[in-house]
Amino acid sequence: MLKKVLALLSLLLAIASPAFAAAPSLPGLRPNDATTISLNDETSLLVNKGNATITAINLSTETLSWKKAFTTLYDVKILQYPTKIIILTEEKQHLKKLTLDASGNLLTQTVYVSMKTGMNPYLAYWVAPDEHNNEMILIQQDKNTQLFKSPWNKPFKQLKTAMEPNSSYENVILRKLAFQSPYLIVEQDGGAFMQDQIFYQVFDIYSGKKYTIASEWNVSSEFSIRKNQLIITTSYGELRPSIGPKKEHQIFGVYDLKTGKPITLKTYTFSNDSVFFAWDCTFQNDNTFFFTDLISSSWTLFDSNGTGYFPMQNNPVATLQQFIHYSSKLHKASFLISSDNGKSSFLINQQL
């Protein structure tokens, strides 16, 4: 009871503080409704695929820079030098690619008449060009993944990636795709007996070889690709099925994309006083890992070797909060917070 009273008192003090009151409200932004992508130390994007919007936030002025709405939002990727934002959306049930500059201005647009949308389920991802390949597009529909490249008339490769129920899983849902030649990465969610397990299948599309990396049962996870590495982060909340009494859990892993062998496996051990566990770990596109212990309400950042940047910090006091960006140059962390369940949200900067 005392802890609850102190937490409520801290919250009321934070809301009443001049710094919080002076922060401009950010209408239409609710913490954790969107994923974040950093353009630079000044600007971050909030990508909300649910309502098909992209919002750019100025981290210095704590205000909105621009906002774009789309009919559908399949994928958003960033290119640097110069900064370009690549968006996959649709137009009249055909896939459409938009290229914006950092200010949200339209640079180019392309409609792919050979790639029809509107089917369910339907996933589409843009693949950036590299030293060996031009840009590509991945399409997932029905049970197959199709890979397209210029002149975009038909897929140059097709693989069956949807899985049928088997001895391990009563049902399997394909959730996400990525590609870095020659590897296709498929995120699957398998369910069995009111439990679920997210696992990652990596296919060499030319040799046909594949391997699988499985996450802990009942733990949520996400993946990213960085050069020749597969990044997997985990999270766990109170609404998930039980993960048992053990106190040490893997919060992220860095794997060699070719072999699947781990390069770094980072674990976190909860306090012996903890009866419940809850955490969140996300990979930032500036190559850092944000980790928050939701039980102790504290957070820190790790590099890809699992080394912490600094000791655990106290989370901002708010009913809802989302980490946005950390500037190593400015030693500043930015959070989107709300103390009225998302009716009004504010960007705050925490100096470290």
Protein backbone atom coordinates (compact mmCIF):
# COMPACT_ATOMS: atom_id res chain seq x y z
CA MET A 1 0.00 0.00 0.00
CA LEU A 2 2.82 2.40 0.90
CA LYS A 3 4.47 1.81 -2.49
CA LYS A 4 1.20 2.61 -4.28
CA VAL A 5 0.76 5.83 -2.27
CA LEU A 6 4.32 6.93 -3.02
CA ALA A 7 3.93 6.12 -6.72
CA LEU A 8 0.70 8.14 -6.89
CA LEU A 9 2.33 11.06 -5.07
CA SER A 10 5.29 11.00 -7.48
CA LEU A 11 2.93 10.96 -10.44
CA LEU A 12 0.98 13.97 -9.14
CA LEU A 13 4.19 15.87 -8.51
CA ALA A 14 5.45 15.10 -12.01
CA ILE A 15 2.22 16.32 -13.62
CA ALA A 16 2.31 19.50 -11.55
CA SER A 17 5.98 20.22 -12.25
CA PRO A 18 6.81 23.25 -14.43
CA ALA A 19 8.85 21.14 -16.86
CA PHE A 20 5.95 18.76 -17.51
CA ALA A 21 3.38 21.53 -17.73
CA ALA A 22 5.53 23.50 -20.19
CA ALA A 23 5.89 20.59 -22.60
CA PRO A 24 3.57 21.03 -25.61
CA SER A 25 0.87 18.39 -26.00
CA LEU A 26 1.20 16.01 -28.95
CA PRO A 27 -2.37 15.35 -30.15
CA GLY A 28 -3.25 11.97 -31.59
CA LEU A 29 -0.16 10.20 -30.23
CA ARG A 30 -0.62 7.51 -27.61
CA PRO A 31 2.49 5.82 -26.16
CA ASN A 32 3.10 2.30 -27.49
CA ASP A 33 0.61 2.54 -30.37
CA ALA A 34 3.45 2.99 -32.88
CA THR A 35 6.99 1.77 -33.49
CA THR A 36 9.85 4.25 -33.56
CA ILE A 37 12.48 4.85 -36.23
CA SER A 38 15.28 7.38 -35.66
CA LEU A 39 16.19 9.63 -38.57
CA ASN A 40 18.89 11.41 -36.56
CA ASP A 41 19.43 12.98 -33.12
CA GLU A 42 16.88 15.66 -33.97
CA THR A 43 14.02 13.68 -35.50
CA SER A 44 12.27 10.36 -34.85
CA LEU A 45 9.37 8.79 -36.70
CA LEU A 46 6.38 7.12 -35.06
CA VAL A 47 5.04 4.51 -37.47
CA ASN A 48 1.51 3.35 -36.69
CA LYS A 49 0.45 0.60 -39.08
CA GLY A 50 -2.88 0.24 -37.29
CA ASN A 51 -4.15 3.62 -38.43
CA ALA A 52 -1.67 3.92 -41.34
CA THR A 53 0.11 7.09 -40.20
CA ILE A 54 3.68 8.31 -39.92
CA THR A 55 4.44 11.14 -37.49
CA ALA A 56 7.78 12.95 -37.29
CA ILE A 57 8.71 14.39 -33.89
CA ASN A 58 11.33 17.09 -33.34
CA LEU A 59 13.20 15.88 -30.25
CA SER A 60 14.76 19.28 -29.49
CA THR A 61 11.58 21.36 -29.55
CA GLU A 62 9.39 18.44 -28.33
CA THR A 63 6.86 19.19 -31.07
CA LEU A 64 5.41 17.54 -34.18
CA SER A 65 7.32 18.24 -37.38
CA TRP A 66 4.91 16.61 -39.84
CA LYS A 67 2.36 13.84 -40.17
CA LYS A 68 1.27 11.72 -43.15
CA ALA A 69 -1.77 9.43 -43.48
CA PHE A 70 -2.16 6.57 -45.95
CA THR A 71 -4.88 4.12 -46.97
CA THR A 72 -2.64 1.23 -45.85
CA LEU A 73 0.89 1.09 -44.49
CA TYR A 74 2.78 -2.10 -45.32
CA ASP A 75 6.40 -1.11 -44.73
CA VAL A 76 8.65 1.83 -43.84
CA LYS A 77 12.43 1.82 -44.33
CA ILE A 78 15.12 4.51 -44.01
CA LEU A 79 18.06 5.23 -46.30
CA GLN A 80 20.83 7.59 -45.20
CA TYR A 81 23.23 9.95 -47.01
CA PRO A 82 20.98 11.59 -48.04
CA THR A 83 18.08 10.64 -45.77
CA LYS A 84 15.15 9.08 -47.63
CA ILE A 85 12.01 7.44 -46.26
CA ILE A 86 10.74 4.49 -48.32
CA ILE A 87 7.06 3.62 -47.84
CA LEU A 88 5.00 0.74 -49.24
CA THR A 89 1.29 1.53 -49.43
CA GLU A 90 -1.40 0.86 -52.03
CA GLU A 91 -3.41 2.57 -54.74
CA LYS A 92 -6.52 1.00 -56.27
CA GLN A 93 -5.51 -2.45 -54.97
CA HIS A 94 -1.99 -2.27 -56.40
CA LEU A 95 1.20 -1.95 -54.37
CA LYS A 96 2.67 1.55 -54.38
CA LYS A 97 6.09 2.82 -53.30
CA LEU A 98 6.63 6.38 -52.10
CA THR A 99 9.97 8.06 -51.43
CA LEU A 100 9.97 11.04 -49.05
CA ASP A 101 12.76 13.31 -47.87
CA ALA A 102 13.44 13.92 -44.16
CA SER A 103 10.91 16.78 -44.16
CA GLY A 104 8.13 14.53 -45.48
CA ASN A 105 8.17 15.94 -49.01
CA LEU A 106 7.37 13.50 -51.83
CA LEU A 107 10.36 12.75 -54.07
CA THR A 108 9.14 9.84 -56.21
CA GLN A 109 6.26 7.37 -56.44
CA THR A 110 5.82 4.07 -58.29
CA VAL A 111 2.74 1.88 -58.71
CA TYR A 112 3.44 -1.84 -59.32
CA VAL A 113 0.58 -3.03 -61.52
CA SER A 114 1.80 -6.65 -61.32
CA MET A 115 1.46 -6.70 -57.49
CA LYS A 116 -2.18 -6.74 -56.44
CA THR A 117 -3.16 -6.06 -52.84
CA GLY A 118 -6.43 -6.60 -51.00
CA MET A 119 -5.94 -10.27 -50.23
CA ASN A 120 -5.94 -11.46 -46.63
CA PRO A 121 -3.44 -12.21 -45.26
CA TYR A 122 -1.13 -9.95 -47.26
CA LEU A 123 2.33 -8.70 -46.28
CA ALA A 124 4.70 -6.53 -48.33
CA TYR A 125 8.27 -5.44 -47.57
CA TRP A 126 10.82 -3.30 -49.40
CA VAL A 127 14.43 -4.52 -49.53
CA ALA A 128 17.18 -1.92 -49.93
CA PRO A 129 19.80 -2.38 -52.65
CA ASP A 130 23.26 -3.57 -51.64
CA GLU A 131 26.62 -4.14 -53.35
CA HIS A 132 25.33 -7.30 -55.04
CA ASN A 133 21.62 -6.65 -55.67
CA ASN A 134 19.23 -3.94 -56.75
CA GLU A 135 16.15 -3.15 -54.66
CA MET A 136 13.61 -5.93 -54.17
CA ILE A 137 10.07 -6.40 -52.84
CA LEU A 138 8.77 -9.31 -50.77
CA ILE A 139 5.11 -10.29 -51.00
CA GLN A 140 3.44 -12.81 -48.69
CA GLN A 141 -0.02 -14.05 -49.68
CA ASP A 142 -1.79 -17.32 -49.24
CA LYS A 143 0.98 -19.80 -48.33
CA ASN A 144 3.83 -18.40 -50.43
CA THR A 145 6.47 -15.70 -50.27
CA GLN A 146 7.28 -14.08 -53.61
CA LEU A 147 10.44 -12.07 -54.35
CA PHE A 148 10.30 -9.38 -57.04
CA LYS A 149 12.96 -7.24 -58.67
CA SER A 150 13.08 -4.96 -61.73
CA PRO A 151 11.30 -5.03 -64.18
CA TRP A 152 8.72 -6.20 -61.55
CA ASN A 153 6.60 -8.21 -64.01
CA LYS A 154 6.68 -11.48 -62.07
CA PRO A 155 8.46 -12.97 -59.05
CA PHE A 156 11.95 -14.27 -59.73
CA LYS A 157 11.65 -16.58 -56.72
CA GLN A 158 8.76 -18.16 -54.81
CA LEU A 159 8.88 -20.22 -51.62
CA LYS A 160 6.21 -21.91 -49.54
CA THR A 161 6.66 -20.36 -46.12
CA ALA A 162 3.27 -20.85 -44.43
CA MET A 163 3.28 -23.83 -42.05
CA GLU A 164 0.58 -26.39 -41.37
CA PRO A 165 -0.27 -27.65 -37.85
CA ASN A 166 2.20 -30.30 -36.70
CA SER A 167 3.26 -32.30 -33.66
CA SER A 168 4.72 -29.18 -32.03
CA TYR A 169 2.05 -26.57 -32.81
CA GLU A 170 -1.72 -26.73 -33.19
CA ASN A 171 -1.58 -23.62 -35.37
CA VAL A 172 1.13 -21.43 -36.88
CA ILE A 173 0.77 -17.77 -37.92
CA LEU A 174 3.32 -16.12 -40.21
CA ARG A 175 3.90 -12.65 -38.73
CA LYS A 176 6.77 -10.93 -40.54
CA LEU A 177 9.39 -11.24 -43.30
CA ALA A 178 12.79 -9.78 -44.12
CA PHE A 179 15.45 -10.45 -46.73
CA GLN A 180 19.19 -9.98 -46.99
CA SER A 181 20.55 -11.88 -49.94
CA PRO A 182 20.55 -14.81 -50.05
CA TYR A 183 18.65 -15.21 -46.75
CA LEU A 184 14.88 -14.96 -46.28
CA ILE A 185 13.91 -14.55 -42.63
CA VAL A 186 10.40 -15.64 -41.61
CA GLU A 187 8.90 -14.94 -38.18
CA GLN A 188 6.36 -17.58 -37.15
CA ASP A 189 4.11 -17.80 -34.08
CA GLY A 190 3.19 -21.34 -33.09
CA GLY A 191 0.45 -22.15 -30.59
CA ALA A 192 -0.29 -25.27 -28.55
CA PHE A 193 -2.37 -25.94 -25.40
CA MET A 194 -3.00 -22.22 -24.65
CA GLN A 195 0.75 -21.53 -24.96
CA ASP A 196 2.70 -19.98 -27.80
CA GLN A 197 6.26 -19.79 -29.10
CA ILE A 198 7.73 -17.38 -31.63
CA PHE A 199 10.44 -18.84 -33.85
CA TYR A 200 12.50 -17.70 -36.80
CA GLN A 201 13.16 -19.68 -39.95
CA VAL A 202 16.07 -18.56 -42.12
CA PHE A 203 16.11 -19.85 -45.72
CA ASP A 204 18.96 -19.67 -48.22
CA ILE A 205 16.76 -19.11 -51.29
CA TYR A 206 19.38 -20.52 -53.67
CA SER A 207 20.77 -23.57 -51.83
CA GLY A 208 17.51 -24.47 -50.08
CA LYS A 209 19.26 -24.81 -46.70
CA LYS A 210 17.48 -23.48 -43.64
CA TYR A 211 17.77 -23.28 -39.86
CA THR A 212 15.45 -22.27 -37.01
CA ILE A 213 15.95 -20.15 -33.89
CA ALA A 214 13.18 -20.43 -31.28
CA SER A 215 12.35 -17.97 -28.52
CA GLU A 216 11.34 -18.94 -25.00
CA TRP A 217 7.75 -20.20 -24.74
CA ASN A 218 5.14 -17.48 -23.99
CA VAL A 219 7.66 -14.65 -24.45
CA SER A 220 7.01 -12.07 -27.17
CA SER A 221 9.84 -11.28 -29.56
CA GLU A 222 10.76 -9.16 -32.58
CA PHE A 223 13.62 -9.32 -35.06
CA SER A 224 15.76 -6.99 -37.15
CA ILE A 225 18.55 -7.42 -39.69
CA ARG A 226 21.84 -5.55 -39.32
CA LYS A 227 24.39 -6.23 -42.03
CA ASN A 228 25.11 -9.96 -41.68
CA GLN A 229 23.46 -10.37 -38.30
CA LEU A 230 20.02 -11.43 -37.09
CA ILE A 231 18.85 -9.45 -34.05
CA ILE A 232 16.14 -10.92 -31.80
CA THR A 233 14.71 -9.01 -28.83
CA THR A 234 12.17 -10.24 -26.27
CA SER A 235 9.47 -8.81 -24.03
CA TYR A 236 7.02 -10.17 -21.49
CA GLY A 237 3.96 -8.63 -19.84
CA GLU A 238 1.31 -9.50 -17.30
CA LEU A 239 -1.29 -10.53 -19.90
CA ARG A 240 0.93 -13.29 -21.30
CA PRO A 241 0.72 -16.95 -20.19
CA SER A 242 3.07 -17.91 -17.36
CA ILE A 243 6.79 -18.37 -17.99
CA GLY A 244 7.39 -20.12 -14.68
CA PRO A 245 9.41 -19.16 -11.61
CA LYS A 246 12.93 -18.85 -13.07
CA LYS A 247 14.38 -15.36 -12.67
CA GLU A 248 16.92 -15.23 -15.52
CA HIS A 249 15.64 -14.60 -19.04
CA GLN A 250 17.21 -13.79 -22.40
CA ILE A 251 16.41 -10.22 -23.39
CA PHE A 252 18.21 -10.16 -26.75
CA GLY A 253 20.40 -12.23 -29.02
CA VAL A 254 22.72 -11.36 -31.90
CA TYR A 255 23.22 -14.23 -34.38
CA ASP A 256 25.37 -14.84 -37.43
CA LEU A 257 22.87 -14.68 -40.28
CA LYS A 258 24.66 -17.34 -42.34
CA THR A 259 25.02 -20.01 -39.67
CA GLY A 260 22.51 -19.04 -36.98
CA LYS A 261 25.24 -19.33 -34.35
CA PRO A 262 24.95 -16.82 -31.47
CA ILE A 263 27.42 -13.93 -31.31
CA THR A 264 25.90 -12.33 -28.20
CA LEU A 265 23.22 -13.70 -25.87
CA LYS A 266 22.21 -11.13 -23.26
CA THR A 267 20.28 -12.27 -20.20
CA TYR A 268 18.79 -10.34 -17.29
CA THR A 269 18.21 -11.67 -13.79
CA PHE A 270 15.28 -10.28 -11.85
CA SER A 271 15.49 -9.52 -8.16
CA ASN A 272 15.01 -12.37 -5.72
CA ASP A 273 12.13 -10.33 -4.30
CA SER A 274 10.32 -10.45 -7.64
CA VAL A 275 7.27 -12.73 -7.77
CA PHE A 276 6.17 -11.47 -11.18
CA PHE A 277 8.29 -10.63 -14.22
CA ALA A 278 7.70 -8.05 -16.92
CA TRP A 279 10.17 -6.46 -19.30
CA ASP A 280 10.58 -4.92 -22.72
CA CYS A 281 13.62 -4.88 -24.97
CA THR A 282 13.77 -3.20 -28.37
CA PHE A 283 16.51 -2.75 -30.95
CA GLN A 284 17.00 0.82 -32.07
CA ASN A 285 18.12 1.47 -35.63
CA ASP A 286 21.13 3.37 -34.26
CA ASN A 287 22.48 -0.04 -33.12
CA THR A 288 21.58 0.14 -29.43
CA PHE A 289 19.22 -1.96 -27.32
CA PHE A 290 16.69 -0.31 -25.00
CA PHE A 291 15.75 -2.48 -22.02
CA THR A 292 13.24 -1.71 -19.27
CA ASP A 293 12.48 -3.76 -16.18
CA LEU A 294 8.77 -3.06 -15.80
CA ILE A 295 8.70 -4.43 -12.26
CA SER A 296 11.35 -2.10 -10.83
CA SER A 297 10.35 0.68 -13.30
CA SER A 298 13.92 1.20 -14.50
CA TRP A 299 15.75 1.13 -17.83
CA THR A 300 19.14 1.15 -19.52
CA LEU A 301 20.80 0.80 -22.92
CA PHE A 302 23.14 -1.95 -24.15
CA ASP A 303 25.49 -2.19 -27.11
CA SER A 304 25.51 -5.27 -29.35
CA ASN A 305 28.07 -6.95 -27.07
CA GLY A 306 25.67 -6.71 -24.14
CA THR A 307 27.63 -3.97 -22.37
CA GLY A 308 25.50 -1.42 -20.54
CA TYR A 309 25.96 2.25 -21.38
CA PHE A 310 25.18 3.29 -17.80
CA PRO A 311 23.50 1.93 -14.61
CA MET A 312 19.74 1.35 -14.58
CA GLN A 313 17.79 4.63 -14.69
CA ASN A 314 14.36 5.39 -13.24
CA ASN A 315 11.53 5.38 -15.78
CA PRO A 316 9.62 8.64 -16.30
CA VAL A 317 6.64 8.77 -13.93
CA ALA A 318 3.55 8.34 -16.11
CA THR A 319 0.71 5.88 -16.62
CA LEU A 320 1.93 5.28 -20.20
CA GLN A 321 5.42 5.72 -21.57
CA GLN A 322 7.43 4.80 -24.65
CA PHE A 323 11.16 5.15 -25.27
CA ILE A 324 11.80 7.13 -28.47
CA HIS A 325 15.52 7.80 -28.89
CA TYR A 326 18.87 8.12 -27.14
CA SER A 327 21.55 10.53 -28.32
CA SER A 328 25.02 9.36 -27.30
CA LYS A 329 26.39 12.71 -28.47
CA LEU A 330 24.02 14.75 -26.30
CA HIS A 331 23.64 12.13 -23.52
CA LYS A 332 19.90 12.60 -23.75
CA ALA A 333 17.02 10.11 -23.76
CA SER A 334 13.61 10.99 -25.17
CA PHE A 335 10.30 9.48 -24.02
CA LEU A 336 6.69 9.86 -25.12
CA ILE A 337 4.57 9.87 -21.95
CA SER A 338 0.96 10.24 -20.91
CA SER A 339 -0.67 10.48 -17.49
CA ASP A 340 -4.30 10.25 -18.66
CA ASN A 341 -4.18 6.96 -20.59
CA GLY A 342 -3.26 8.62 -23.88
CA LYS A 343 -5.80 11.43 -24.02
CA SER A 344 -2.88 13.86 -24.01
CA SER A 345 0.77 12.94 -24.57
CA PHE A 346 4.03 14.80 -24.15
CA LEU A 347 7.63 14.32 -25.25
CA ILE A 348 10.14 14.67 -22.44
CA ASN A 349 13.93 14.58 -22.58
CA GLN A 350 15.95 13.00 -19.78
CA GLN A 351 19.53 14.24 -19.45
CA LEU A 352 22.02 11.57 -18.36
